[in-house]
Structure formats: C-alpha cells, structure tokens
Amino acid sequence: MKNELLIVEKIEDGIVTVEKSEKESFDIKISELGCEVKEGDVLKCENGKYSVDKEKTEELRKVSIYLQNTAFGIDASNSDK
C-alpha cells in the first residue's frame, strides 16, 4: 500500500470503508485502526499500522471545496475556511 491514497469513505456500525482507488475499496473494523478517523480523512499505513495523514487530508479537503465552488460558480478566493 505504499504511496497510495487511502480515503475514509464512510463509517457505519463500527466498520470503516476505505477507498483505495476509484474501483477498489475495503472495510476495516474501527477497533483495528488504532486511531480516530472521520469521513474524508486520508490514511497512511506504515508497518501495518494506520494513521491519519493530516497534511494530505487538508490538501484534499481544499481541492474538494475548490471544485465544489467552481462547479456552482462561487468565487473560490473567498473560501479558505
């Protein structure tokens, strides 16, 4: 899983669905993660342990907001928050 974006797609009934690519996802029991996660977080896996990649999560969040604003014709320069 090196250098792959692992994105928390949803959390339901103690199961975290992680998107590995556009066509592939997998489930992990939340108890097996060893870290707190929320939908949209980017995970990294090192030595079999998961953690939230805060920098990539924030970067992805900003791109998502920009794309949403662009799609709806909103001035993206006013949406840093």
C-alpha atoms as a PDB file:
ATOM      1  CA  MET A   1       0.000   0.000   0.000  1.00  0.00           C
ATOM      2  CA  LYS A   2       2.943   2.329  -0.422  1.00  0.00           C
ATOM      3  CA  ASN A   3       2.247   5.826  -1.729  1.00  0.00           C
ATOM      4  CA  GLU A   4      -1.456   5.153  -2.179  1.00  0.00           C
ATOM      5  CA  LEU A   5      -4.172   7.495  -1.073  1.00  0.00           C
ATOM      6  CA  LEU A   6      -6.446   5.651   1.332  1.00  0.00           C
ATOM      7  CA  ILE A   7      -9.536   7.758   1.890  1.00  0.00           C
ATOM      8  CA  VAL A   8     -12.153   7.102   4.558  1.00  0.00           C
ATOM      9  CA  GLU A   9     -15.324   6.883   2.506  1.00  0.00           C
ATOM     10  CA  LYS A  10     -17.823   6.087   5.256  1.00  0.00           C
ATOM     11  CA  ILE A  11     -18.130   4.842   8.818  1.00  0.00           C
ATOM     12  CA  GLU A  12     -21.090   2.653   9.751  1.00  0.00           C
ATOM     13  CA  ASP A  13     -21.729   0.226  12.588  1.00  0.00           C
ATOM     14  CA  GLY A  14     -18.071   0.130  13.639  1.00  0.00           C
ATOM     15  CA  ILE A  15     -16.842  -0.512  10.092  1.00  0.00           C
ATOM     16  CA  VAL A  16     -14.705   1.953   8.137  1.00  0.00           C
ATOM     17  CA  THR A  17     -14.944   1.740   4.356  1.00  0.00           C
ATOM     18  CA  VAL A  18     -11.680   2.882   2.807  1.00  0.00           C
ATOM     19  CA  GLU A  19     -11.327   3.827  -0.856  1.00  0.00           C
ATOM     20  CA  LYS A  20      -8.047   2.597  -2.264  1.00  0.00           C
ATOM     21  CA  SER A  21      -8.709   3.690  -5.838  1.00  0.00           C
ATOM     22  CA  GLU A  22     -11.694   4.653  -7.958  1.00  0.00           C
ATOM     23  CA  LYS A  23     -12.553   0.989  -8.431  1.00  0.00           C
ATOM     24  CA  GLU A  24     -11.373  -0.569  -5.195  1.00  0.00           C
ATOM     25  CA  SER A  25     -12.387  -0.198  -1.591  1.00  0.00           C
ATOM     26  CA  PHE A  26     -12.147  -2.330   1.512  1.00  0.00           C
ATOM     27  CA  ASP A  27     -13.534  -2.423   5.036  1.00  0.00           C
ATOM     28  CA  ILE A  28     -11.670  -2.254   8.329  1.00  0.00           C
ATOM     29  CA  LYS A  29     -13.114  -2.649  11.797  1.00  0.00           C
ATOM     30  CA  ILE A  30     -12.756   0.697  13.527  1.00  0.00           C
ATOM     31  CA  SER A  31     -11.226  -1.118  16.502  1.00  0.00           C
ATOM     32  CA  GLU A  32      -8.386  -2.334  14.251  1.00  0.00           C
ATOM     33  CA  LEU A  33      -7.398   1.143  13.056  1.00  0.00           C
ATOM     34  CA  GLY A  34      -5.749   2.312  16.240  1.00  0.00           C
ATOM     35  CA  CYS A  35      -6.597   5.949  15.512  1.00  0.00           C
ATOM     36  CA  GLU A  36      -9.647   8.179  15.400  1.00  0.00           C
ATOM     37  CA  VAL A  37     -10.945   8.843  11.903  1.00  0.00           C
ATOM     38  CA  LYS A  38     -13.767  10.694  10.220  1.00  0.00           C
ATOM     39  CA  GLU A  39     -15.174  10.559   6.729  1.00  0.00           C
ATOM     40  CA  GLY A  40     -12.851  12.229   4.231  1.00  0.00           C
ATOM     41  CA  ASP A  41      -9.658  11.555   6.200  1.00  0.00           C
ATOM     42  CA  VAL A  42      -6.631  10.330   4.269  1.00  0.00           C
ATOM     43  CA  LEU A  43      -4.922   7.370   5.898  1.00  0.00           C
ATOM     44  CA  LYS A  44      -1.398   6.116   5.629  1.00  0.00           C
ATOM     45  CA  CYS A  45      -0.325   2.620   6.523  1.00  0.00           C
ATOM     46  CA  GLU A  46       3.183   2.063   7.843  1.00  0.00           C
ATOM     47  CA  ASN A  47       4.334  -1.260   9.240  1.00  0.00           C
ATOM     48  CA  GLY A  48       0.737  -2.474   9.309  1.00  0.00           C
ATOM     49  CA  LYS A  49      -0.456   0.474  11.410  1.00  0.00           C
ATOM     50  CA  TYR A  50      -2.851   3.124  10.171  1.00  0.00           C
ATOM     51  CA  SER A  51      -2.702   6.813  10.977  1.00  0.00           C
ATOM     52  CA  VAL A  52      -4.370   9.931   9.616  1.00  0.00           C
ATOM     53  CA  ASP A  53      -2.228  11.919   7.200  1.00  0.00           C
ATOM     54  CA  LYS A  54      -3.344  15.362   8.356  1.00  0.00           C
ATOM     55  CA  GLU A  55      -1.453  17.234   5.652  1.00  0.00           C
ATOM     56  CA  LYS A  56      -2.930  15.176   2.794  1.00  0.00           C
ATOM     57  CA  THR A  57      -6.388  15.300   4.404  1.00  0.00           C
ATOM     58  CA  GLU A  58      -6.294  19.113   4.488  1.00  0.00           C
ATOM     59  CA  GLU A  59      -4.941  19.272   0.936  1.00  0.00           C
ATOM     60  CA  LEU A  60      -7.728  17.003  -0.331  1.00  0.00           C
ATOM     61  CA  ARG A  61     -10.346  18.995   1.593  1.00  0.00           C
ATOM     62  CA  LYS A  62      -9.178  22.245  -0.039  1.00  0.00           C
ATOM     63  CA  VAL A  63      -9.247  20.702  -3.517  1.00  0.00           C
ATOM     64  CA  SER A  64     -12.743  19.374  -2.868  1.00  0.00           C
ATOM     65  CA  ILE A  65     -14.006  22.784  -1.718  1.00  0.00           C
ATOM     66  CA  TYR A  66     -12.413  24.469  -4.731  1.00  0.00           C
ATOM     67  CA  LEU A  67     -14.037  22.002  -7.140  1.00  0.00           C
ATOM     68  CA  GLN A  68     -17.439  22.406  -5.475  1.00  0.00           C
ATOM     69  CA  ASN A  69     -17.193  26.189  -5.595  1.00  0.00           C
ATOM     70  CA  THR A  70     -16.100  26.120  -9.223  1.00  0.00           C
ATOM     71  CA  ALA A  71     -18.984  23.814 -10.149  1.00  0.00           C
ATOM     72  CA  PHE A  72     -21.501  26.145  -8.511  1.00  0.00           C
ATOM     73  CA  GLY A  73     -19.920  29.368  -9.758  1.00  0.00           C
ATOM     74  CA  ILE A  74     -18.848  30.554  -6.314  1.00  0.00           C
ATOM     75  CA  ASP A  75     -15.798  32.804  -6.014  1.00  0.00           C
ATOM     76  CA  ALA A  76     -13.250  30.325  -4.635  1.00  0.00           C
ATOM     77  CA  SER A  77     -10.911  33.112  -3.465  1.00  0.00           C
ATOM     78  CA  ASN A  78     -13.251  33.726  -0.510  1.00  0.00           C
ATOM     79  CA  SER A  79     -13.430  30.106   0.687  1.00  0.00           C
ATOM     80  CA  ASP A  80     -10.232  29.440   2.610  1.00  0.00           C
ATOM     81  CA  LYS A  81     -12.186  28.260   5.637  1.00  0.00           C
END
